[in-house]
PDB file of N, CA and C in Angstrom:
ATOM      1  N   UNK A   1      -5.160  10.719  12.352  1.00  0.00           N
ATOM      2  CA  UNK A   1      -4.933  11.163  10.983  1.00  0.00           C
ATOM      3  C   UNK A   1      -5.856  10.363  10.058  1.00  0.00           C
ATOM      4  N   UNK A   2      -6.494  11.062   9.168  1.00  0.00           N
ATOM      5  CA  UNK A   2      -7.410  10.417   8.238  1.00  0.00           C
ATOM      6  C   UNK A   2      -6.683   9.931   6.996  1.00  0.00           C
ATOM      7  N   UNK A   3      -7.187   8.855   6.429  1.00  0.00           N
ATOM      8  CA  UNK A   3      -6.565   8.300   5.232  1.00  0.00           C
ATOM      9  C   UNK A   3      -7.286   8.768   3.972  1.00  0.00           C
ATOM     10  N   UNK A   4      -8.411   9.462   4.126  1.00  0.00           N
ATOM     11  CA  UNK A   4      -9.151   9.943   2.965  1.00  0.00           C
ATOM     12  C   UNK A   4      -8.592  11.274   2.489  1.00  0.00           C
ATOM     13  N   UNK A   5      -8.317  11.348   1.200  1.00  0.00           N
ATOM     14  CA  UNK A   5      -7.773  12.561   0.590  1.00  0.00           C
ATOM     15  C   UNK A   5      -8.688  12.985  -0.543  1.00  0.00           C
ATOM     16  N   UNK A   6      -8.689  14.258  -0.818  1.00  0.00           N
ATOM     17  CA  UNK A   6      -9.399  14.753  -1.998  1.00  0.00           C
ATOM     18  C   UNK A   6      -8.583  15.902  -2.571  1.00  0.00           C
ATOM     19  N   UNK A   7      -8.329  15.809  -3.847  1.00  0.00           N
ATOM     20  CA  UNK A   7      -7.536  16.812  -4.556  1.00  0.00           C
ATOM     21  C   UNK A   7      -8.135  17.038  -5.930  1.00  0.00           C
ATOM     22  N   UNK A   8      -7.803  18.173  -6.495  1.00  0.00           N
ATOM     23  CA  UNK A   8      -8.148  18.367  -7.898  1.00  0.00           C
ATOM     24  C   UNK A   8      -6.849  18.470  -8.677  1.00  0.00           C
ATOM     25  N   UNK A   9      -6.867  17.853  -9.827  1.00  0.00           N
ATOM     26  CA  UNK A   9      -5.697  17.789 -10.685  1.00  0.00           C
ATOM     27  C   UNK A   9      -6.034  18.541 -11.968  1.00  0.00           C
ATOM     28  N   UNK A  10      -5.246  19.559 -12.257  1.00  0.00           N
ATOM     29  CA  UNK A  10      -5.465  20.361 -13.466  1.00  0.00           C
ATOM     30  C   UNK A  10      -4.852  19.641 -14.668  1.00  0.00           C
ATOM     31  N   UNK A  11      -5.579  19.672 -15.768  1.00  0.00           N
ATOM     32  CA  UNK A  11      -5.029  19.147 -17.016  1.00  0.00           C
ATOM     33  C   UNK A  11      -5.244  20.185 -18.107  1.00  0.00           C
ATOM     34  N   UNK A  12      -4.412  20.118 -19.147  1.00  0.00           N
ATOM     35  CA  UNK A  12      -4.576  21.099 -20.221  1.00  0.00           C
ATOM     36  C   UNK A  12      -5.151  20.477 -21.482  1.00  0.00           C
ATOM     37  N   UNK A  13      -5.272  19.138 -21.496  1.00  0.00           N
ATOM     38  CA  UNK A  13      -5.877  18.482 -22.642  1.00  0.00           C
ATOM     39  C   UNK A  13      -6.469  17.151 -22.207  1.00  0.00           C
ATOM     40  N   UNK A  14      -7.711  16.921 -22.635  1.00  0.00           N
ATOM     41  CA  UNK A  14      -8.377  15.647 -22.371  1.00  0.00           C
ATOM     42  C   UNK A  14      -7.992  14.663 -23.483  1.00  0.00           C
ATOM     43  N   UNK A  15      -8.156  13.376 -23.237  1.00  0.00           N
ATOM     44  CA  UNK A  15      -7.831  12.391 -24.273  1.00  0.00           C
ATOM     45  C   UNK A  15      -8.639  12.645 -25.548  1.00  0.00           C
ATOM     46  N   UNK A  16      -8.022  12.399 -26.678  1.00  0.00           N
ATOM     47  CA  UNK A  16      -8.706  12.621 -27.955  1.00  0.00           C
ATOM     48  C   UNK A  16      -9.632  11.459 -28.303  1.00  0.00           C
ATOM     49  N   UNK A  17      -9.414  10.313 -27.685  1.00  0.00           N
ATOM     50  CA  UNK A  17     -10.279   9.163 -27.961  1.00  0.00           C
ATOM     51  C   UNK A  17     -11.117   8.824 -26.734  1.00  0.00           C
ATOM     52  N   UNK A  18     -12.187   8.104 -26.969  1.00  0.00           N
ATOM     53  CA  UNK A  18     -13.070   7.724 -25.878  1.00  0.00           C
ATOM     54  C   UNK A  18     -13.954   8.884 -25.457  1.00  0.00           C
ATOM     55  N   UNK A  19     -14.595   8.708 -24.340  1.00  0.00           N
ATOM     56  CA  UNK A  19     -15.472   9.748 -23.808  1.00  0.00           C
ATOM     57  C   UNK A  19     -15.437   9.708 -22.296  1.00  0.00           C
ATOM     58  N   UNK A  20     -16.247  10.547 -21.693  1.00  0.00           N
ATOM     59  CA  UNK A  20     -16.256  10.698 -20.239  1.00  0.00           C
ATOM     60  C   UNK A  20     -16.420   9.359 -19.520  1.00  0.00           C
ATOM     61  N   UNK A  21     -17.382   8.542 -19.943  1.00  0.00           N
ATOM     62  CA  UNK A  21     -17.620   7.258 -19.273  1.00  0.00           C
ATOM     63  C   UNK A  21     -16.409   6.336 -19.390  1.00  0.00           C
ATOM     64  N   UNK A  22     -15.810   6.296 -20.561  1.00  0.00           N
ATOM     65  CA  UNK A  22     -14.628   5.452 -20.772  1.00  0.00           C
ATOM     66  C   UNK A  22     -13.453   5.937 -19.912  1.00  0.00           C
ATOM     67  N   UNK A  23     -13.264   7.243 -19.830  1.00  0.00           N
ATOM     68  CA  UNK A  23     -12.173   7.799 -19.016  1.00  0.00           C
ATOM     69  C   UNK A  23     -12.371   7.440 -17.552  1.00  0.00           C
ATOM     70  N   UNK A  24     -13.604   7.608 -17.066  1.00  0.00           N
ATOM     71  CA  UNK A  24     -13.896   7.306 -15.661  1.00  0.00           C
ATOM     72  C   UNK A  24     -13.681   5.823 -15.372  1.00  0.00           C
ATOM     73  N   UNK A  25     -14.122   4.964 -16.280  1.00  0.00           N
ATOM     74  CA  UNK A  25     -13.933   3.525 -16.099  1.00  0.00           C
ATOM     75  C   UNK A  25     -12.455   3.184 -16.016  1.00  0.00           C
ATOM     76  N   UNK A  26     -11.657   3.762 -16.885  1.00  0.00           N
ATOM     77  CA  UNK A  26     -10.209   3.503 -16.865  1.00  0.00           C
ATOM     78  C   UNK A  26      -9.574   4.008 -15.578  1.00  0.00           C
ATOM     79  N   UNK A  27      -9.980   5.184 -15.131  1.00  0.00           N
ATOM     80  CA  UNK A  27      -9.394   5.756 -13.912  1.00  0.00           C
ATOM     81  C   UNK A  27      -9.855   5.035 -12.651  1.00  0.00           C
ATOM     82  N   UNK A  28     -11.063   4.476 -12.668  1.00  0.00           N
ATOM     83  CA  UNK A  28     -11.576   3.756 -11.500  1.00  0.00           C
ATOM     84  C   UNK A  28     -10.754   2.504 -11.200  1.00  0.00           C
ATOM     85  N   UNK A  29      -9.904   2.105 -12.129  1.00  0.00           N
ATOM     86  CA  UNK A  29      -9.050   0.942 -11.906  1.00  0.00           C
ATOM     87  C   UNK A  29      -7.943   1.237 -10.902  1.00  0.00           C
ATOM     88  N   UNK A  30      -7.721   2.517 -10.592  1.00  0.00           N
ATOM     89  CA  UNK A  30      -6.743   2.882  -9.559  1.00  0.00           C
ATOM     90  C   UNK A  30      -7.279   2.406  -8.216  1.00  0.00           C
ATOM     91  N   UNK A  31      -6.569   1.498  -7.597  1.00  0.00           N
ATOM     92  CA  UNK A  31      -6.982   0.945  -6.314  1.00  0.00           C
ATOM     93  C   UNK A  31      -7.034   2.070  -5.276  1.00  0.00           C
ATOM     94  N   UNK A  32      -8.135   2.175  -4.565  1.00  0.00           N
ATOM     95  CA  UNK A  32      -8.272   3.177  -3.516  1.00  0.00           C
ATOM     96  C   UNK A  32      -9.058   4.402  -3.924  1.00  0.00           C
ATOM     97  N   UNK A  33      -9.311   4.576  -5.202  1.00  0.00           N
ATOM     98  CA  UNK A  33     -10.073   5.724  -5.691  1.00  0.00           C
ATOM     99  C   UNK A  33     -11.539   5.519  -5.318  1.00  0.00           C
ATOM    100  N   UNK A  34     -12.116   6.458  -4.560  1.00  0.00           N
ATOM    101  CA  UNK A  34     -13.486   6.281  -4.081  1.00  0.00           C
ATOM    102  C   UNK A  34     -14.493   7.196  -4.765  1.00  0.00           C
ATOM    103  N   UNK A  35     -14.036   8.327  -5.292  1.00  0.00           N
ATOM    104  CA  UNK A  35     -14.940   9.248  -5.965  1.00  0.00           C
ATOM    105  C   UNK A  35     -14.160  10.000  -7.034  1.00  0.00           C
ATOM    106  N   UNK A  36     -14.807  10.251  -8.154  1.00  0.00           N
ATOM    107  CA  UNK A  36     -14.121  10.870  -9.278  1.00  0.00           C
ATOM    108  C   UNK A  36     -15.094  11.749 -10.051  1.00  0.00           C
ATOM    109  N   UNK A  37     -14.638  12.952 -10.388  1.00  0.00           N
ATOM    110  CA  UNK A  37     -15.436  13.852 -11.225  1.00  0.00           C
ATOM    111  C   UNK A  37     -14.490  14.562 -12.178  1.00  0.00           C
ATOM    112  N   UNK A  38     -14.832  14.550 -13.447  1.00  0.00           N
ATOM    113  CA  UNK A  38     -14.024  15.215 -14.464  1.00  0.00           C
ATOM    114  C   UNK A  38     -14.830  16.380 -15.021  1.00  0.00           C
ATOM    115  N   UNK A  39     -14.239  17.564 -14.980  1.00  0.00           N
ATOM    116  CA  UNK A  39     -14.878  18.759 -15.522  1.00  0.00           C
ATOM    117  C   UNK A  39     -14.026  19.233 -16.699  1.00  0.00           C
ATOM    118  N   UNK A  40     -14.473  18.924 -17.918  1.00  0.00           N
ATOM    119  CA  UNK A  40     -13.705  19.252 -19.115  1.00  0.00           C
ATOM    120  C   UNK A  40     -13.703  20.763 -19.372  1.00  0.00           C
ATOM    121  N   UNK A  41     -14.763  21.457 -18.981  1.00  0.00           N
ATOM    122  CA  UNK A  41     -14.830  22.906 -19.201  1.00  0.00           C
ATOM    123  C   UNK A  41     -13.752  23.662 -18.424  1.00  0.00           C
ATOM    124  N   UNK A  42     -13.530  23.271 -17.168  1.00  0.00           N
ATOM    125  CA  UNK A  42     -12.525  23.947 -16.344  1.00  0.00           C
ATOM    126  C   UNK A  42     -11.194  23.202 -16.339  1.00  0.00           C
ATOM    127  N   UNK A  43     -11.136  22.059 -17.049  1.00  0.00           N
ATOM    128  CA  UNK A  43      -9.920  21.234 -17.130  1.00  0.00           C
ATOM    129  C   UNK A  43      -9.459  20.782 -15.750  1.00  0.00           C
ATOM    130  N   UNK A  44     -10.399  20.277 -14.954  1.00  0.00           N
ATOM    131  CA  UNK A  44     -10.117  19.790 -13.606  1.00  0.00           C
ATOM    132  C   UNK A  44     -10.612  18.362 -13.452  1.00  0.00           C
ATOM    133  N   UNK A  45      -9.838  17.578 -12.735  1.00  0.00           N
ATOM    134  CA  UNK A  45     -10.270  16.256 -12.318  1.00  0.00           C
ATOM    135  C   UNK A  45     -10.286  16.286 -10.799  1.00  0.00           C
ATOM    136  N   UNK A  46     -11.432  15.999 -10.200  1.00  0.00           N
ATOM    137  CA  UNK A  46     -11.576  15.966  -8.758  1.00  0.00           C
ATOM    138  C   UNK A  46     -11.574  14.512  -8.322  1.00  0.00           C
ATOM    139  N   UNK A  47     -10.653  14.165  -7.439  1.00  0.00           N
ATOM    140  CA  UNK A  47     -10.525  12.782  -6.997  1.00  0.00           C
ATOM    141  C   UNK A  47     -10.562  12.695  -5.487  1.00  0.00           C
ATOM    142  N   UNK A  48     -11.258  11.689  -4.998  1.00  0.00           N
ATOM    143  CA  UNK A  48     -11.250  11.355  -3.584  1.00  0.00           C
ATOM    144  C   UNK A  48     -10.727   9.932  -3.496  1.00  0.00           C
ATOM    145  N   UNK A  49      -9.800   9.707  -2.573  1.00  0.00           N
ATOM    146  CA  UNK A  49      -9.157   8.394  -2.527  1.00  0.00           C
ATOM    147  C   UNK A  49      -8.649   8.084  -1.130  1.00  0.00           C
ATOM    148  N   UNK A  50      -8.397   6.800  -0.912  1.00  0.00           N
ATOM    149  CA  UNK A  50      -7.864   6.301   0.349  1.00  0.00           C
ATOM    150  C   UNK A  50      -6.346   6.279   0.231  1.00  0.00           C
ATOM    151  N   UNK A  51      -5.680   7.106   1.015  1.00  0.00           N
ATOM    152  CA  UNK A  51      -4.232   7.254   0.930  1.00  0.00           C
ATOM    153  C   UNK A  51      -3.493   5.964   1.268  1.00  0.00           C
ATOM    154  N   UNK A  52      -4.107   5.084   2.008  1.00  0.00           N
ATOM    155  CA  UNK A  52      -3.434   3.834   2.333  1.00  0.00           C
ATOM    156  C   UNK A  52      -3.330   2.920   1.111  1.00  0.00           C
ATOM    157  N   UNK A  53      -4.113   3.187   0.075  1.00  0.00           N
ATOM    158  CA  UNK A  53      -4.106   2.346  -1.125  1.00  0.00           C
ATOM    159  C   UNK A  53      -3.709   3.083  -2.398  1.00  0.00           C
ATOM    160  N   UNK A  54      -3.701   4.390  -2.368  1.00  0.00           N
ATOM    161  CA  UNK A  54      -3.510   5.166  -3.590  1.00  0.00           C
ATOM    162  C   UNK A  54      -2.928   6.530  -3.239  1.00  0.00           C
ATOM    163  N   UNK A  55      -2.154   7.083  -4.161  1.00  0.00           N
ATOM    164  CA  UNK A  55      -1.643   8.449  -4.005  1.00  0.00           C
ATOM    165  C   UNK A  55      -2.029   9.245  -5.242  1.00  0.00           C
ATOM    166  N   UNK A  56      -1.970  10.571  -5.106  1.00  0.00           N
ATOM    167  CA  UNK A  56      -2.288  11.425  -6.254  1.00  0.00           C
ATOM    168  C   UNK A  56      -1.380  11.089  -7.427  1.00  0.00           C
ATOM    169  N   UNK A  57      -0.140  10.759  -7.147  1.00  0.00           N
ATOM    170  CA  UNK A  57       0.810  10.413  -8.192  1.00  0.00           C
ATOM    171  C   UNK A  57       0.325   9.216  -9.021  1.00  0.00           C
ATOM    172  N   UNK A  58      -0.310   8.237  -8.373  1.00  0.00           N
ATOM    173  CA  UNK A  58      -0.865   7.077  -9.074  1.00  0.00           C
ATOM    174  C   UNK A  58      -1.998   7.495 -10.013  1.00  0.00           C
ATOM    175  N   UNK A  59      -2.844   8.391  -9.537  1.00  0.00           N
ATOM    176  CA  UNK A  59      -3.960   8.875 -10.349  1.00  0.00           C
ATOM    177  C   UNK A  59      -3.435   9.647 -11.552  1.00  0.00           C
ATOM    178  N   UNK A  60      -2.435  10.489 -11.321  1.00  0.00           N
ATOM    179  CA  UNK A  60      -1.833  11.256 -12.421  1.00  0.00           C
ATOM    180  C   UNK A  60      -1.235  10.318 -13.472  1.00  0.00           C
ATOM    181  N   UNK A  61      -0.568   9.267 -13.015  1.00  0.00           N
ATOM    182  CA  UNK A  61       0.034   8.301 -13.944  1.00  0.00           C
ATOM    183  C   UNK A  61      -1.059   7.647 -14.805  1.00  0.00           C
ATOM    184  N   UNK A  62      -2.172   7.268 -14.174  1.00  0.00           N
ATOM    185  CA  UNK A  62      -3.298   6.683 -14.916  1.00  0.00           C
ATOM    186  C   UNK A  62      -3.868   7.689 -15.915  1.00  0.00           C
ATOM    187  N   UNK A  63      -3.965   8.950 -15.495  1.00  0.00           N
ATOM    188  CA  UNK A  63      -4.481   9.986 -16.391  1.00  0.00           C
ATOM    189  C   UNK A  63      -3.622  10.084 -17.651  1.00  0.00           C
ATOM    190  N   UNK A  64      -2.322  10.134 -17.465  1.00  0.00           N
ATOM    191  CA  UNK A  64      -1.399  10.253 -18.596  1.00  0.00           C
ATOM    192  C   UNK A  64      -1.484   9.021 -19.490  1.00  0.00           C
ATOM    193  N   UNK A  65      -1.603   7.836 -18.885  1.00  0.00           N
ATOM    194  CA  UNK A  65      -1.691   6.599 -19.663  1.00  0.00           C
ATOM    195  C   UNK A  65      -2.905   6.568 -20.579  1.00  0.00           C
ATOM    196  N   UNK A  66      -4.018   7.170 -20.156  1.00  0.00           N
ATOM    197  CA  UNK A  66      -5.207   7.147 -21.011  1.00  0.00           C
ATOM    198  C   UNK A  66      -5.292   8.346 -21.943  1.00  0.00           C
ATOM    199  N   UNK A  67      -4.336   9.276 -21.839  1.00  0.00           N
ATOM    200  CA  UNK A  67      -4.282  10.357 -22.816  1.00  0.00           C
ATOM    201  C   UNK A  67      -4.449  11.770 -22.306  1.00  0.00           C
ATOM    202  N   UNK A  68      -4.638  11.956 -21.006  1.00  0.00           N
ATOM    203  CA  UNK A  68      -4.707  13.313 -20.470  1.00  0.00           C
ATOM    204  C   UNK A  68      -3.318  13.945 -20.538  1.00  0.00           C
ATOM    205  N   UNK A  69      -3.286  15.239 -20.759  1.00  0.00           N
ATOM    206  CA  UNK A  69      -2.039  15.999 -20.681  1.00  0.00           C
ATOM    207  C   UNK A  69      -2.174  16.902 -19.459  1.00  0.00           C
ATOM    208  N   UNK A  70      -1.322  16.675 -18.459  1.00  0.00           N
ATOM    209  CA  UNK A  70      -1.403  17.446 -17.222  1.00  0.00           C
ATOM    210  C   UNK A  70      -0.951  18.882 -17.437  1.00  0.00           C
ATOM    211  N   UNK A  71      -1.551  19.788 -16.700  1.00  0.00           N
ATOM    212  CA  UNK A  71      -1.134  21.194 -16.723  1.00  0.00           C
ATOM    213  C   UNK A  71       0.316  21.243 -16.279  1.00  0.00           C
ATOM    214  N   UNK A  72       1.154  21.960 -17.027  1.00  0.00           N
ATOM    215  CA  UNK A  72       2.579  21.955 -16.710  1.00  0.00           C
ATOM    216  C   UNK A  72       3.129  23.321 -16.320  1.00  0.00           C
ATOM    217  N   UNK A  73       2.253  24.205 -15.852  1.00  0.00           N
ATOM    218  CA  UNK A  73       2.743  25.501 -15.371  1.00  0.00           C
ATOM    219  C   UNK A  73       3.602  25.267 -14.129  1.00  0.00           C
ATOM    220  N   UNK A  74       4.462  26.204 -13.844  1.00  0.00           N
ATOM    221  CA  UNK A  74       5.352  26.083 -12.691  1.00  0.00           C
ATOM    222  C   UNK A  74       4.558  25.866 -11.406  1.00  0.00           C
ATOM    223  N   UNK A  75       3.500  26.621 -11.225  1.00  0.00           N
ATOM    224  CA  UNK A  75       2.704  26.505 -10.003  1.00  0.00           C
ATOM    225  C   UNK A  75       2.068  25.125  -9.872  1.00  0.00           C
ATOM    226  N   UNK A  76       1.518  24.602 -10.950  1.00  0.00           N
ATOM    227  CA  UNK A  76       0.882  23.278 -10.899  1.00  0.00           C
ATOM    228  C   UNK A  76       1.916  22.182 -10.669  1.00  0.00           C
ATOM    229  N   UNK A  77       3.073  22.269 -11.297  1.00  0.00           N
ATOM    230  CA  UNK A  77       4.131  21.266 -11.067  1.00  0.00           C
ATOM    231  C   UNK A  77       4.609  21.324  -9.622  1.00  0.00           C
ATOM    232  N   UNK A  78       4.748  22.529  -9.076  1.00  0.00           N
ATOM    233  CA  UNK A  78       5.156  22.689  -7.680  1.00  0.00           C
ATOM    234  C   UNK A  78       4.111  22.080  -6.753  1.00  0.00           C
ATOM    235  N   UNK A  79       2.843  22.392  -7.013  1.00  0.00           N
ATOM    236  CA  UNK A  79       1.759  21.878  -6.182  1.00  0.00           C
ATOM    237  C   UNK A  79       1.735  20.350  -6.207  1.00  0.00           C
ATOM    238  N   UNK A  80       1.837  19.764  -7.399  1.00  0.00           N
ATOM    239  CA  UNK A  80       1.837  18.300  -7.499  1.00  0.00           C
ATOM    240  C   UNK A  80       3.034  17.700  -6.776  1.00  0.00           C
ATOM    241  N   UNK A  81       4.191  18.316  -6.924  1.00  0.00           N
ATOM    242  CA  UNK A  81       5.386  17.822  -6.242  1.00  0.00           C
ATOM    243  C   UNK A  81       5.230  17.849  -4.735  1.00  0.00           C
ATOM    244  N   UNK A  82       4.635  18.920  -4.215  1.00  0.00           N
ATOM    245  CA  UNK A  82       4.416  19.030  -2.781  1.00  0.00           C
ATOM    246  C   UNK A  82       3.448  17.955  -2.298  1.00  0.00           C
ATOM    247  N   UNK A  83       2.373  17.735  -3.046  1.00  0.00           N
ATOM    248  CA  UNK A  83       1.404  16.697  -2.679  1.00  0.00           C
ATOM    249  C   UNK A  83       2.084  15.330  -2.699  1.00  0.00           C
ATOM    250  N   UNK A  84       2.904  15.048  -3.705  1.00  0.00           N
ATOM    251  CA  UNK A  84       3.611  13.760  -3.781  1.00  0.00           C
ATOM    252  C   UNK A  84       4.483  13.565  -2.545  1.00  0.00           C
ATOM    253  N   UNK A  85       5.238  14.607  -2.184  1.00  0.00           N
ATOM    254  CA  UNK A  85       6.136  14.552  -1.032  1.00  0.00           C
ATOM    255  C   UNK A  85       5.365  14.290   0.261  1.00  0.00           C
ATOM    256  N   UNK A  86       4.304  15.065   0.499  1.00  0.00           N
ATOM    257  CA  UNK A  86       3.573  14.908   1.754  1.00  0.00           C
ATOM    258  C   UNK A  86       2.845  13.569   1.827  1.00  0.00           C
ATOM    259  N   UNK A  87       2.294  13.107   0.703  1.00  0.00           N
ATOM    260  CA  UNK A  87       1.590  11.825   0.723  1.00  0.00           C
ATOM    261  C   UNK A  87       2.558  10.660   0.943  1.00  0.00           C
ATOM    262  N   UNK A  88       3.736  10.750   0.391  1.00  0.00           N
ATOM    263  CA  UNK A  88       4.740   9.707   0.617  1.00  0.00           C
ATOM    264  C   UNK A  88       5.074   9.618   2.107  1.00  0.00           C
ATOM    265  N   UNK A  89       5.231  10.761   2.758  1.00  0.00           N
ATOM    266  CA  UNK A  89       5.507  10.776   4.196  1.00  0.00           C
ATOM    267  C   UNK A  89       4.321  10.269   5.011  1.00  0.00           C
ATOM    268  N   UNK A  90       3.121  10.643   4.626  1.00  0.00           N
ATOM    269  CA  UNK A  90       1.941  10.173   5.345  1.00  0.00           C
ATOM    270  C   UNK A  90       1.802   8.666   5.226  1.00  0.00           C
ATOM    271  N   UNK A  91       2.061   8.115   4.032  1.00  0.00           N
ATOM    272  CA  UNK A  91       1.995   6.663   3.873  1.00  0.00           C
ATOM    273  C   UNK A  91       3.047   5.974   4.738  1.00  0.00           C
ATOM    274  N   UNK A  92       4.219   6.545   4.824  1.00  0.00           N
ATOM    275  CA  UNK A  92       5.274   5.982   5.672  1.00  0.00           C
ATOM    276  C   UNK A  92       4.830   5.983   7.133  1.00  0.00           C
ATOM    277  N   UNK A  93       4.147   7.027   7.553  1.00  0.00           N
ATOM    278  CA  UNK A  93       3.647   7.085   8.928  1.00  0.00           C
ATOM    279  C   UNK A  93       2.628   5.982   9.181  1.00  0.00           C
ATOM    280  N   UNK A  94       1.755   5.704   8.219  1.00  0.00           N
ATOM    281  CA  UNK A  94       0.787   4.616   8.373  1.00  0.00           C
ATOM    282  C   UNK A  94       1.509   3.286   8.558  1.00  0.00           C
ATOM    283  N   UNK A  95       2.543   3.062   7.770  1.00  0.00           N
ATOM    284  CA  UNK A  95       3.272   1.794   7.822  1.00  0.00           C
ATOM    285  C   UNK A  95       4.032   1.627   9.123  1.00  0.00           C
ATOM    286  N   UNK A  96       4.616   2.713   9.617  1.00  0.00           N
ATOM    287  CA  UNK A  96       5.442   2.629  10.823  1.00  0.00           C
ATOM    288  C   UNK A  96       4.669   2.902  12.100  1.00  0.00           C
ATOM    289  N   UNK A  97       3.442   3.359  11.976  1.00  0.00           N
ATOM    290  CA  UNK A  97       2.595   3.703  13.122  1.00  0.00           C
ATOM    291  C   UNK A  97       3.221   4.790  13.994  1.00  0.00           C
ATOM    292  N   UNK A  98       4.155   5.528  13.433  1.00  0.00           N
ATOM    293  CA  UNK A  98       4.798   6.634  14.147  1.00  0.00           C
ATOM    294  C   UNK A  98       5.288   7.623  13.110  1.00  0.00           C
ATOM    295  N   UNK A  99       5.657   8.800  13.548  1.00  0.00           N
ATOM    296  CA  UNK A  99       6.158   9.819  12.620  1.00  0.00           C
ATOM    297  C   UNK A  99       7.396   9.295  11.897  1.00  0.00           C
ATOM    298  N   UNK A 100       7.332   9.230  10.577  1.00  0.00           N
ATOM    299  CA  UNK A 100       8.411   8.646   9.787  1.00  0.00           C
ATOM    300  C   UNK A 100       9.697   9.447   9.868  1.00  0.00           C
ATOM    301  N   UNK A 101       9.612  10.747   9.943  1.00  0.00           N
ATOM    302  CA  UNK A 101      10.818  11.569   9.921  1.00  0.00           C
ATOM    303  C   UNK A 101      11.423  11.762  11.307  1.00  0.00           C
ATOM    304  N   UNK A 102      10.767  11.307  12.331  1.00  0.00           N
ATOM    305  CA  UNK A 102      11.245  11.609  13.684  1.00  0.00           C
ATOM    306  C   UNK A 102      11.423  10.363  14.541  1.00  0.00           C
ATOM    307  N   UNK A 103      11.506   9.196  13.956  1.00  0.00           N
ATOM    308  CA  UNK A 103      11.642   7.968  14.714  1.00  0.00           C
ATOM    309  C   UNK A 103      13.116   7.730  15.033  1.00  0.00           C
ATOM    310  N   UNK A 104      13.562   8.295  16.138  1.00  0.00           N
ATOM    311  CA  UNK A 104      14.974   8.234  16.509  1.00  0.00           C
ATOM    312  C   UNK A 104      15.427   6.813  16.825  1.00  0.00           C
ATOM    313  N   UNK A 105      14.557   5.978  17.365  1.00  0.00           N
ATOM    314  CA  UNK A 105      14.926   4.598  17.676  1.00  0.00           C
ATOM    315  C   UNK A 105      15.328   3.862  16.409  1.00  0.00           C
ATOM    316  N   UNK A 106      14.532   3.986  15.374  1.00  0.00           N
ATOM    317  CA  UNK A 106      14.832   3.329  14.107  1.00  0.00           C
ATOM    318  C   UNK A 106      16.127   3.877  13.499  1.00  0.00           C
ATOM    319  N   UNK A 107      16.316   5.168  13.584  1.00  0.00           N
ATOM    320  CA  UNK A 107      17.538   5.798  13.040  1.00  0.00           C
ATOM    321  C   UNK A 107      18.764   5.279  13.775  1.00  0.00           C
ATOM    322  N   UNK A 108      18.696   5.202  15.095  1.00  0.00           N
ATOM    323  CA  UNK A 108      19.823   4.728  15.888  1.00  0.00           C
ATOM    324  C   UNK A 108      20.124   3.262  15.610  1.00  0.00           C
ATOM    325  N   UNK A 109      19.095   2.445  15.431  1.00  0.00           N
ATOM    326  CA  UNK A 109      19.313   1.032  15.117  1.00  0.00           C
ATOM    327  C   UNK A 109      20.001   0.860  13.772  1.00  0.00           C
ATOM    328  N   UNK A 110      19.611   1.658  12.790  1.00  0.00           N
ATOM    329  CA  UNK A 110      20.259   1.596  11.477  1.00  0.00           C
ATOM    330  C   UNK A 110      21.695   2.033  11.555  1.00  0.00           C
ATOM    331  N   UNK A 111      21.988   2.997  12.405  1.00  0.00           N
ATOM    332  CA  UNK A 111      23.359   3.482  12.555  1.00  0.00           C
ATOM    333  C   UNK A 111      24.291   2.410  13.126  1.00  0.00           C
ATOM    334  N   UNK A 112      23.767   1.588  14.022  1.00  0.00           N
ATOM    335  CA  UNK A 112      24.560   0.544  14.668  1.00  0.00           C
ATOM    336  C   UNK A 112      24.956  -0.568  13.700  1.00  0.00           C
ATOM    337  N   UNK A 113      24.213  -0.730  12.632  1.00  0.00           N
ATOM    338  CA  UNK A 113      24.477  -1.820  11.686  1.00  0.00           C
ATOM    339  C   UNK A 113      25.630  -1.543  10.790  1.00  0.00           C
TER     340      UNK A 113
END
């Protein structure tokens, strides 16, 4: 399983202050972010990142902190929620070195306690 992820995050409004370079500098502070492209015309942010150090949810949080307004249509919220869920599980698999949802040994040990 690869730890490199790439997603695009839709936004409906860019920050009113600063500019492209300032936004990129602020977002590059997200640990694990390896590549970033912001397209203001299509309202898309394309991010490539190392899942072992960063999740899409972290990038979204940074976006909101600097003034981006994320697209809030039902489809986009659903898509982001699904990505958050799957990335959380993938990170758990990295930590446990086994499938997080199917580790019966760990489940049985917790039950005994």
